[in-house]
């Protein structure tokens, strides 16, 4: 527990920030997970739509400072790479 007055205030502030950031982070994680599940199930049209939503949610989280910009960019890149790999595997050759 905090001992000083300023530490007590910082604890209150950080709790408010955590509560404000939680739904933003949760939304991004949920959309990323949903997209990965759709890719695994080979439902690529739906996966492409949720990937767009996930990209938007990650960008919004980065803009608000919930996650670092590089973190959001990395996660978006990995997600799109999975989607594009799945598309190339199922494409007729």
PDB file of N, CA and C in Angstrom:
ATOM      1  N   UNK A   1       0.833  -1.182   0.000  1.00  0.00           N
ATOM      2  CA  UNK A   1       0.000   0.000   0.000  1.00  0.00           C
ATOM      3  C   UNK A   1       0.881   1.250   0.000  1.00  0.00           C
ATOM      4  N   UNK A   2       0.391   2.309  -0.620  1.00  0.00           N
ATOM      5  CA  UNK A   2       1.183   3.536  -0.668  1.00  0.00           C
ATOM      6  C   UNK A   2       1.280   4.194   0.715  1.00  0.00           C
ATOM      7  N   UNK A   3       2.407   4.833   0.947  1.00  0.00           N
ATOM      8  CA  UNK A   3       2.633   5.494   2.229  1.00  0.00           C
ATOM      9  C   UNK A   3       2.449   6.999   2.154  1.00  0.00           C
ATOM     10  N   UNK A   4       2.878   7.589   1.058  1.00  0.00           N
ATOM     11  CA  UNK A   4       2.823   9.044   0.955  1.00  0.00           C
ATOM     12  C   UNK A   4       1.527   9.492   0.291  1.00  0.00           C
ATOM     13  N   UNK A   5       1.230  10.757   0.461  1.00  0.00           N
ATOM     14  CA  UNK A   5       0.022  11.331  -0.116  1.00  0.00           C
ATOM     15  C   UNK A   5       0.060  11.266  -1.644  1.00  0.00           C
ATOM     16  N   UNK A   6       1.218  11.567  -2.225  1.00  0.00           N
ATOM     17  CA  UNK A   6       1.344  11.549  -3.683  1.00  0.00           C
ATOM     18  C   UNK A   6       1.230  10.124  -4.224  1.00  0.00           C
ATOM     19  N   UNK A   7       1.743   9.145  -3.485  1.00  0.00           N
ATOM     20  CA  UNK A   7       1.638   7.756  -3.917  1.00  0.00           C
ATOM     21  C   UNK A   7       0.185   7.291  -3.893  1.00  0.00           C
ATOM     22  N   UNK A   8      -0.559   7.755  -2.897  1.00  0.00           N
ATOM     23  CA  UNK A   8      -1.983   7.409  -2.819  1.00  0.00           C
ATOM     24  C   UNK A   8      -2.741   7.989  -4.002  1.00  0.00           C
ATOM     25  N   UNK A   9      -2.399   9.225  -4.355  1.00  0.00           N
ATOM     26  CA  UNK A   9      -3.056   9.858  -5.491  1.00  0.00           C
ATOM     27  C   UNK A   9      -2.699   9.125  -6.783  1.00  0.00           C
ATOM     28  N   UNK A  10      -1.443   8.772  -6.954  1.00  0.00           N
ATOM     29  CA  UNK A  10      -1.028   8.067  -8.162  1.00  0.00           C
ATOM     30  C   UNK A  10      -1.729   6.715  -8.277  1.00  0.00           C
ATOM     31  N   UNK A  11      -1.980   6.084  -7.159  1.00  0.00           N
ATOM     32  CA  UNK A  11      -2.699   4.820  -7.175  1.00  0.00           C
ATOM     33  C   UNK A  11      -4.132   5.030  -7.676  1.00  0.00           C
ATOM     34  N   UNK A  12      -4.769   6.100  -7.229  1.00  0.00           N
ATOM     35  CA  UNK A  12      -6.119   6.398  -7.690  1.00  0.00           C
ATOM     36  C   UNK A  12      -6.125   6.722  -9.185  1.00  0.00           C
ATOM     37  N   UNK A  13      -5.140   7.503  -9.604  1.00  0.00           N
ATOM     38  CA  UNK A  13      -5.053   7.907 -11.012  1.00  0.00           C
ATOM     39  C   UNK A  13      -4.818   6.691 -11.898  1.00  0.00           C
ATOM     40  N   UNK A  14      -3.899   5.834 -11.485  1.00  0.00           N
ATOM     41  CA  UNK A  14      -3.593   4.666 -12.301  1.00  0.00           C
ATOM     42  C   UNK A  14      -4.780   3.717 -12.373  1.00  0.00           C
ATOM     43  N   UNK A  15      -5.562   3.635 -11.320  1.00  0.00           N
ATOM     44  CA  UNK A  15      -6.765   2.798 -11.344  1.00  0.00           C
ATOM     45  C   UNK A  15      -7.789   3.363 -12.329  1.00  0.00           C
ATOM     46  N   UNK A  16      -7.960   4.681 -12.347  1.00  0.00           N
ATOM     47  CA  UNK A  16      -8.878   5.295 -13.311  1.00  0.00           C
ATOM     48  C   UNK A  16      -8.412   5.044 -14.744  1.00  0.00           C
ATOM     49  N   UNK A  17      -7.125   5.183 -14.971  1.00  0.00           N
ATOM     50  CA  UNK A  17      -6.588   4.941 -16.310  1.00  0.00           C
ATOM     51  C   UNK A  17      -6.776   3.482 -16.725  1.00  0.00           C
ATOM     52  N   UNK A  18      -6.560   2.587 -15.783  1.00  0.00           N
ATOM     53  CA  UNK A  18      -6.712   1.160 -16.073  1.00  0.00           C
ATOM     54  C   UNK A  18      -8.151   0.857 -16.480  1.00  0.00           C
ATOM     55  N   UNK A  19      -9.103   1.411 -15.748  1.00  0.00           N
ATOM     56  CA  UNK A  19     -10.512   1.193 -16.062  1.00  0.00           C
ATOM     57  C   UNK A  19     -10.882   1.788 -17.422  1.00  0.00           C
ATOM     58  N   UNK A  20     -10.301   2.927 -17.763  1.00  0.00           N
ATOM     59  CA  UNK A  20     -10.589   3.570 -19.039  1.00  0.00           C
ATOM     60  C   UNK A  20      -9.957   2.813 -20.203  1.00  0.00           C
ATOM     61  N   UNK A  21      -8.771   2.246 -19.980  1.00  0.00           N
ATOM     62  CA  UNK A  21      -8.054   1.557 -21.048  1.00  0.00           C
ATOM     63  C   UNK A  21      -8.540   0.130 -21.276  1.00  0.00           C
ATOM     64  N   UNK A  22      -9.132  -0.457 -20.262  1.00  0.00           N
ATOM     65  CA  UNK A  22      -9.497  -1.870 -20.316  1.00  0.00           C
ATOM     66  C   UNK A  22     -10.397  -2.235 -21.500  1.00  0.00           C
ATOM     67  N   UNK A  23     -11.499  -1.518 -21.756  1.00  0.00           N
ATOM     68  CA  UNK A  23     -12.345  -1.916 -22.882  1.00  0.00           C
ATOM     69  C   UNK A  23     -11.666  -1.742 -24.240  1.00  0.00           C
ATOM     70  N   UNK A  24     -10.798  -0.768 -24.348  1.00  0.00           N
ATOM     71  CA  UNK A  24     -10.088  -0.548 -25.614  1.00  0.00           C
ATOM     72  C   UNK A  24      -9.160  -1.723 -25.891  1.00  0.00           C
ATOM     73  N   UNK A  25      -8.411  -2.132 -24.885  1.00  0.00           N
ATOM     74  CA  UNK A  25      -7.491  -3.259 -25.015  1.00  0.00           C
ATOM     75  C   UNK A  25      -8.252  -4.563 -25.263  1.00  0.00           C
ATOM     76  N   UNK A  26      -9.345  -4.747 -24.538  1.00  0.00           N
ATOM     77  CA  UNK A  26     -10.139  -5.966 -24.673  1.00  0.00           C
ATOM     78  C   UNK A  26     -10.723  -6.087 -26.072  1.00  0.00           C
ATOM     79  N   UNK A  27     -11.236  -4.982 -26.595  1.00  0.00           N
ATOM     80  CA  UNK A  27     -11.817  -5.002 -27.940  1.00  0.00           C
ATOM     81  C   UNK A  27     -10.773  -5.402 -28.983  1.00  0.00           C
ATOM     82  N   UNK A  28      -9.592  -4.842 -28.881  1.00  0.00           N
ATOM     83  CA  UNK A  28      -8.534  -5.165 -29.841  1.00  0.00           C
ATOM     84  C   UNK A  28      -8.147  -6.642 -29.733  1.00  0.00           C
ATOM     85  N   UNK A  29      -7.957  -7.120 -28.521  1.00  0.00           N
ATOM     86  CA  UNK A  29      -7.572  -8.523 -28.330  1.00  0.00           C
ATOM     87  C   UNK A  29      -8.643  -9.471 -28.844  1.00  0.00           C
ATOM     88  N   UNK A  30      -9.903  -9.140 -28.572  1.00  0.00           N
ATOM     89  CA  UNK A  30     -11.013  -9.992 -29.001  1.00  0.00           C
ATOM     90  C   UNK A  30     -11.067 -10.092 -30.518  1.00  0.00           C
ATOM     91  N   UNK A  31     -10.915  -8.966 -31.187  1.00  0.00           N
ATOM     92  CA  UNK A  31     -10.980  -8.973 -32.647  1.00  0.00           C
ATOM     93  C   UNK A  31      -9.801  -9.729 -33.258  1.00  0.00           C
ATOM     94  N   UNK A  32      -8.627  -9.589 -32.677  1.00  0.00           N
ATOM     95  CA  UNK A  32      -7.465 -10.323 -33.177  1.00  0.00           C
ATOM     96  C   UNK A  32      -7.685 -11.826 -33.011  1.00  0.00           C
ATOM     97  N   UNK A  33      -8.159 -12.222 -31.839  1.00  0.00           N
ATOM     98  CA  UNK A  33      -8.403 -13.638 -31.571  1.00  0.00           C
ATOM     99  C   UNK A  33      -9.484 -14.187 -32.494  1.00  0.00           C
ATOM    100  N   UNK A  34     -10.559 -13.427 -32.688  1.00  0.00           N
ATOM    101  CA  UNK A  34     -11.644 -13.865 -33.559  1.00  0.00           C
ATOM    102  C   UNK A  34     -11.146 -14.041 -34.992  1.00  0.00           C
ATOM    103  N   UNK A  35     -10.310 -13.120 -35.437  1.00  0.00           N
ATOM    104  CA  UNK A  35      -9.758 -13.225 -36.790  1.00  0.00           C
ATOM    105  C   UNK A  35      -8.896 -14.473 -36.925  1.00  0.00           C
ATOM    106  N   UNK A  36      -8.048 -14.737 -35.936  1.00  0.00           N
ATOM    107  CA  UNK A  36      -7.193 -15.921 -35.989  1.00  0.00           C
ATOM    108  C   UNK A  36      -8.026 -17.200 -35.996  1.00  0.00           C
ATOM    109  N   UNK A  37      -9.118 -17.226 -35.251  1.00  0.00           N
ATOM    110  CA  UNK A  37      -9.994 -18.403 -35.245  1.00  0.00           C
ATOM    111  C   UNK A  37     -10.660 -18.600 -36.603  1.00  0.00           C
ATOM    112  N   UNK A  38     -11.078 -17.511 -37.223  1.00  0.00           N
ATOM    113  CA  UNK A  38     -11.698 -17.607 -38.548  1.00  0.00           C
ATOM    114  C   UNK A  38     -10.688 -18.072 -39.589  1.00  0.00           C
ATOM    115  N   UNK A  39      -9.448 -17.626 -39.466  1.00  0.00           N
ATOM    116  CA  UNK A  39      -8.401 -18.068 -40.392  1.00  0.00           C
ATOM    117  C   UNK A  39      -8.170 -19.566 -40.222  1.00  0.00           C
ATOM    118  N   UNK A  40      -8.115 -20.021 -38.976  1.00  0.00           N
ATOM    119  CA  UNK A  40      -7.913 -21.445 -38.705  1.00  0.00           C
ATOM    120  C   UNK A  40      -9.073 -22.282 -39.228  1.00  0.00           C
ATOM    121  N   UNK A  41     -10.280 -21.720 -39.215  1.00  0.00           N
ATOM    122  CA  UNK A  41     -11.454 -22.430 -39.705  1.00  0.00           C
ATOM    123  C   UNK A  41     -11.625 -22.280 -41.220  1.00  0.00           C
ATOM    124  N   UNK A  42     -10.707 -21.594 -41.870  1.00  0.00           N
ATOM    125  CA  UNK A  42     -10.701 -21.385 -43.323  1.00  0.00           C
ATOM    126  C   UNK A  42     -11.917 -20.587 -43.791  1.00  0.00           C
ATOM    127  N   UNK A  43     -12.412 -19.688 -42.959  1.00  0.00           N
ATOM    128  CA  UNK A  43     -13.498 -18.781 -43.340  1.00  0.00           C
ATOM    129  C   UNK A  43     -12.855 -17.429 -43.635  1.00  0.00           C
ATOM    130  N   UNK A  44     -12.209 -17.352 -44.796  1.00  0.00           N
ATOM    131  CA  UNK A  44     -11.320 -16.232 -45.093  1.00  0.00           C
ATOM    132  C   UNK A  44     -12.052 -14.934 -45.408  1.00  0.00           C
ATOM    133  N   UNK A  45     -13.256 -15.014 -45.967  1.00  0.00           N
ATOM    134  CA  UNK A  45     -14.001 -13.783 -46.247  1.00  0.00           C
ATOM    135  C   UNK A  45     -14.385 -13.079 -44.942  1.00  0.00           C
ATOM    136  N   UNK A  46     -14.880 -13.862 -43.993  1.00  0.00           N
ATOM    137  CA  UNK A  46     -15.226 -13.293 -42.690  1.00  0.00           C
ATOM    138  C   UNK A  46     -13.963 -12.836 -41.954  1.00  0.00           C
ATOM    139  N   UNK A  47     -12.892 -13.603 -42.116  1.00  0.00           N
ATOM    140  CA  UNK A  47     -11.628 -13.257 -41.463  1.00  0.00           C
ATOM    141  C   UNK A  47     -11.106 -11.925 -41.987  1.00  0.00           C
ATOM    142  N   UNK A  48     -11.274 -11.671 -43.264  1.00  0.00           N
ATOM    143  CA  UNK A  48     -10.809 -10.413 -43.837  1.00  0.00           C
ATOM    144  C   UNK A  48     -11.575  -9.229 -43.250  1.00  0.00           C
ATOM    145  N   UNK A  49     -12.868  -9.416 -43.036  1.00  0.00           N
ATOM    146  CA  UNK A  49     -13.673  -8.334 -42.451  1.00  0.00           C
ATOM    147  C   UNK A  49     -13.265  -8.067 -41.004  1.00  0.00           C
ATOM    148  N   UNK A  50     -13.096  -9.132 -40.227  1.00  0.00           N
ATOM    149  CA  UNK A  50     -12.706  -8.928 -38.835  1.00  0.00           C
ATOM    150  C   UNK A  50     -11.265  -8.453 -38.724  1.00  0.00           C
ATOM    151  N   UNK A  51     -10.427  -8.811 -39.698  1.00  0.00           N
ATOM    152  CA  UNK A  51      -9.049  -8.321 -39.690  1.00  0.00           C
ATOM    153  C   UNK A  51      -9.028  -6.804 -39.863  1.00  0.00           C
ATOM    154  N   UNK A  52      -9.904  -6.295 -40.704  1.00  0.00           N
ATOM    155  CA  UNK A  52     -10.009  -4.844 -40.889  1.00  0.00           C
ATOM    156  C   UNK A  52     -10.455  -4.174 -39.595  1.00  0.00           C
ATOM    157  N   UNK A  53     -11.424  -4.789 -38.924  1.00  0.00           N
ATOM    158  CA  UNK A  53     -11.890  -4.250 -37.648  1.00  0.00           C
ATOM    159  C   UNK A  53     -10.790  -4.320 -36.597  1.00  0.00           C
ATOM    160  N   UNK A  54     -10.035  -5.417 -36.591  1.00  0.00           N
ATOM    161  CA  UNK A  54      -8.948  -5.579 -35.627  1.00  0.00           C
ATOM    162  C   UNK A  54      -7.854  -4.547 -35.866  1.00  0.00           C
ATOM    163  N   UNK A  55      -7.541  -4.317 -37.125  1.00  0.00           N
ATOM    164  CA  UNK A  55      -6.534  -3.310 -37.470  1.00  0.00           C
ATOM    165  C   UNK A  55      -6.961  -1.933 -36.978  1.00  0.00           C
ATOM    166  N   UNK A  56      -8.230  -1.624 -37.164  1.00  0.00           N
ATOM    167  CA  UNK A  56      -8.766  -0.342 -36.712  1.00  0.00           C
ATOM    168  C   UNK A  56      -8.720  -0.233 -35.191  1.00  0.00           C
ATOM    169  N   UNK A  57      -9.086  -1.310 -34.508  1.00  0.00           N
ATOM    170  CA  UNK A  57      -9.085  -1.301 -33.041  1.00  0.00           C
ATOM    171  C   UNK A  57      -7.668  -1.154 -32.493  1.00  0.00           C
ATOM    172  N   UNK A  58      -6.708  -1.817 -33.125  1.00  0.00           N
ATOM    173  CA  UNK A  58      -5.314  -1.696 -32.687  1.00  0.00           C
ATOM    174  C   UNK A  58      -4.786  -0.283 -32.924  1.00  0.00           C
ATOM    175  N   UNK A  59      -5.132   0.294 -34.069  1.00  0.00           N
ATOM    176  CA  UNK A  59      -4.691   1.658 -34.367  1.00  0.00           C
ATOM    177  C   UNK A  59      -5.296   2.642 -33.375  1.00  0.00           C
ATOM    178  N   UNK A  60      -6.556   2.428 -33.038  1.00  0.00           N
ATOM    179  CA  UNK A  60      -7.232   3.303 -32.080  1.00  0.00           C
ATOM    180  C   UNK A  60      -6.588   3.176 -30.694  1.00  0.00           C
ATOM    181  N   UNK A  61      -6.261   1.946 -30.307  1.00  0.00           N
ATOM    182  CA  UNK A  61      -5.615   1.723 -29.007  1.00  0.00           C
ATOM    183  C   UNK A  61      -4.245   2.398 -28.971  1.00  0.00           C
ATOM    184  N   UNK A  62      -3.516   2.324 -30.084  1.00  0.00           N
ATOM    185  CA  UNK A  62      -2.206   2.972 -30.139  1.00  0.00           C
ATOM    186  C   UNK A  62      -2.343   4.484 -30.091  1.00  0.00           C
ATOM    187  N   UNK A  63      -3.349   4.999 -30.762  1.00  0.00           N
ATOM    188  CA  UNK A  63      -3.562   6.440 -30.787  1.00  0.00           C
ATOM    189  C   UNK A  63      -3.905   6.965 -29.397  1.00  0.00           C
ATOM    190  N   UNK A  64      -4.642   6.173 -28.637  1.00  0.00           N
ATOM    191  CA  UNK A  64      -5.030   6.578 -27.286  1.00  0.00           C
ATOM    192  C   UNK A  64      -3.936   6.313 -26.262  1.00  0.00           C
ATOM    193  N   UNK A  65      -2.880   5.624 -26.680  1.00  0.00           N
ATOM    194  CA  UNK A  65      -1.785   5.349 -25.766  1.00  0.00           C
ATOM    195  C   UNK A  65      -1.995   4.117 -24.913  1.00  0.00           C
ATOM    196  N   UNK A  66      -2.984   3.308 -25.248  1.00  0.00           N
ATOM    197  CA  UNK A  66      -3.248   2.090 -24.490  1.00  0.00           C
ATOM    198  C   UNK A  66      -2.157   1.067 -24.768  1.00  0.00           C
ATOM    199  N   UNK A  67      -1.761   0.936 -26.026  1.00  0.00           N
ATOM    200  CA  UNK A  67      -0.621   0.105 -26.408  1.00  0.00           C
ATOM    201  C   UNK A  67       0.351   0.983 -27.181  1.00  0.00           C
ATOM    202  N   UNK A  68       1.593   0.565 -27.229  1.00  0.00           N
ATOM    203  CA  UNK A  68       2.606   1.319 -27.960  1.00  0.00           C
ATOM    204  C   UNK A  68       2.349   1.194 -29.458  1.00  0.00           C
ATOM    205  N   UNK A  69       2.712   2.220 -30.205  1.00  0.00           N
ATOM    206  CA  UNK A  69       2.484   2.218 -31.652  1.00  0.00           C
ATOM    207  C   UNK A  69       3.169   1.049 -32.337  1.00  0.00           C
ATOM    208  N   UNK A  70       4.392   0.750 -31.933  1.00  0.00           N
ATOM    209  CA  UNK A  70       5.107  -0.360 -32.546  1.00  0.00           C
ATOM    210  C   UNK A  70       4.452  -1.694 -32.213  1.00  0.00           C
ATOM    211  N   UNK A  71       3.908  -1.799 -31.012  1.00  0.00           N
ATOM    212  CA  UNK A  71       3.201  -3.013 -30.610  1.00  0.00           C
ATOM    213  C   UNK A  71       1.978  -3.219 -31.503  1.00  0.00           C
ATOM    214  N   UNK A  72       1.208  -2.181 -31.708  1.00  0.00           N
ATOM    215  CA  UNK A  72       0.026  -2.272 -32.557  1.00  0.00           C
ATOM    216  C   UNK A  72       0.414  -2.594 -33.998  1.00  0.00           C
ATOM    217  N   UNK A  73       1.469  -1.979 -34.493  1.00  0.00           N
ATOM    218  CA  UNK A  73       1.923  -2.227 -35.860  1.00  0.00           C
ATOM    219  C   UNK A  73       2.401  -3.667 -36.016  1.00  0.00           C
ATOM    220  N   UNK A  74       3.110  -4.164 -35.030  1.00  0.00           N
ATOM    221  CA  UNK A  74       3.607  -5.540 -35.079  1.00  0.00           C
ATOM    222  C   UNK A  74       2.449  -6.538 -35.082  1.00  0.00           C
ATOM    223  N   UNK A  75       1.473  -6.306 -34.222  1.00  0.00           N
ATOM    224  CA  UNK A  75       0.342  -7.226 -34.141  1.00  0.00           C
ATOM    225  C   UNK A  75      -0.500  -7.189 -35.412  1.00  0.00           C
ATOM    226  N   UNK A  76      -0.671  -5.995 -35.969  1.00  0.00           N
ATOM    227  CA  UNK A  76      -1.397  -5.870 -37.232  1.00  0.00           C
ATOM    228  C   UNK A  76      -0.656  -6.592 -38.345  1.00  0.00           C
ATOM    229  N   UNK A  77       0.651  -6.415 -38.389  1.00  0.00           N
ATOM    230  CA  UNK A  77       1.460  -7.048 -39.423  1.00  0.00           C
ATOM    231  C   UNK A  77       1.384  -8.565 -39.335  1.00  0.00           C
ATOM    232  N   UNK A  78       1.481  -9.099 -38.137  1.00  0.00           N
ATOM    233  CA  UNK A  78       1.412 -10.551 -37.951  1.00  0.00           C
ATOM    234  C   UNK A  78       0.053 -11.094 -38.359  1.00  0.00           C
ATOM    235  N   UNK A  79      -0.996 -10.357 -38.015  1.00  0.00           N
ATOM    236  CA  UNK A  79      -2.349 -10.789 -38.345  1.00  0.00           C
ATOM    237  C   UNK A  79      -2.551 -10.806 -39.857  1.00  0.00           C
ATOM    238  N   UNK A  80      -2.117  -9.754 -40.524  1.00  0.00           N
ATOM    239  CA  UNK A  80      -2.270  -9.685 -41.971  1.00  0.00           C
ATOM    240  C   UNK A  80      -1.422 -10.740 -42.678  1.00  0.00           C
ATOM    241  N   UNK A  81      -0.255 -11.031 -42.109  1.00  0.00           N
ATOM    242  CA  UNK A  81       0.595 -12.067 -42.683  1.00  0.00           C
ATOM    243  C   UNK A  81      -0.095 -13.425 -42.600  1.00  0.00           C
ATOM    244  N   UNK A  82      -0.726 -13.724 -41.469  1.00  0.00           N
ATOM    245  CA  UNK A  82      -1.465 -14.978 -41.324  1.00  0.00           C
ATOM    246  C   UNK A  82      -2.609 -15.051 -42.329  1.00  0.00           C
ATOM    247  N   UNK A  83      -3.328 -13.955 -42.484  1.00  0.00           N
ATOM    248  CA  UNK A  83      -4.451 -13.926 -43.409  1.00  0.00           C
ATOM    249  C   UNK A  83      -3.976 -14.119 -44.844  1.00  0.00           C
ATOM    250  N   UNK A  84      -2.950 -13.408 -45.235  1.00  0.00           N
ATOM    251  CA  UNK A  84      -2.447 -13.509 -46.602  1.00  0.00           C
ATOM    252  C   UNK A  84      -1.845 -14.881 -46.879  1.00  0.00           C
ATOM    253  N   UNK A  85      -1.201 -15.484 -45.889  1.00  0.00           N
ATOM    254  CA  UNK A  85      -0.657 -16.832 -46.057  1.00  0.00           C
ATOM    255  C   UNK A  85      -1.785 -17.839 -46.260  1.00  0.00           C
ATOM    256  N   UNK A  86      -2.845 -17.697 -45.478  1.00  0.00           N
ATOM    257  CA  UNK A  86      -3.983 -18.602 -45.616  1.00  0.00           C
ATOM    258  C   UNK A  86      -4.649 -18.429 -46.977  1.00  0.00           C
ATOM    259  N   UNK A  87      -4.723 -17.199 -47.447  1.00  0.00           N
ATOM    260  CA  UNK A  87      -5.316 -16.956 -48.773  1.00  0.00           C
ATOM    261  C   UNK A  87      -4.479 -17.590 -49.867  1.00  0.00           C
ATOM    262  N   UNK A  88      -3.160 -17.480 -49.777  1.00  0.00           N
ATOM    263  CA  UNK A  88      -2.295 -18.032 -50.816  1.00  0.00           C
ATOM    264  C   UNK A  88      -2.310 -19.556 -50.817  1.00  0.00           C
ATOM    265  N   UNK A  89      -2.498 -20.166 -49.639  1.00  0.00           N
ATOM    266  CA  UNK A  89      -2.559 -21.621 -49.557  1.00  0.00           C
ATOM    267  C   UNK A  89      -3.825 -22.173 -50.186  1.00  0.00           C
ATOM    268  N   UNK A  90      -4.931 -21.452 -50.018  1.00  0.00           N
ATOM    269  CA  UNK A  90      -6.204 -21.953 -50.532  1.00  0.00           C
ATOM    270  C   UNK A  90      -6.489 -21.493 -51.962  1.00  0.00           C
ATOM    271  N   UNK A  91      -5.687 -20.591 -52.481  1.00  0.00           N
ATOM    272  CA  UNK A  91      -5.911 -20.085 -53.846  1.00  0.00           C
ATOM    273  C   UNK A  91      -5.586 -21.191 -54.868  1.00  0.00           C
ATOM    274  N   UNK A  92      -6.411 -21.326 -55.892  1.00  0.00           N
ATOM    275  CA  UNK A  92      -6.116 -22.323 -56.920  1.00  0.00           C
ATOM    276  C   UNK A  92      -4.872 -21.936 -57.712  1.00  0.00           C
ATOM    277  N   UNK A  93      -4.058 -22.946 -57.965  1.00  0.00           N
ATOM    278  CA  UNK A  93      -2.799 -22.660 -58.673  1.00  0.00           C
ATOM    279  C   UNK A  93      -2.756 -23.321 -60.015  1.00  0.00           C
TER     280      UNK A  93
END
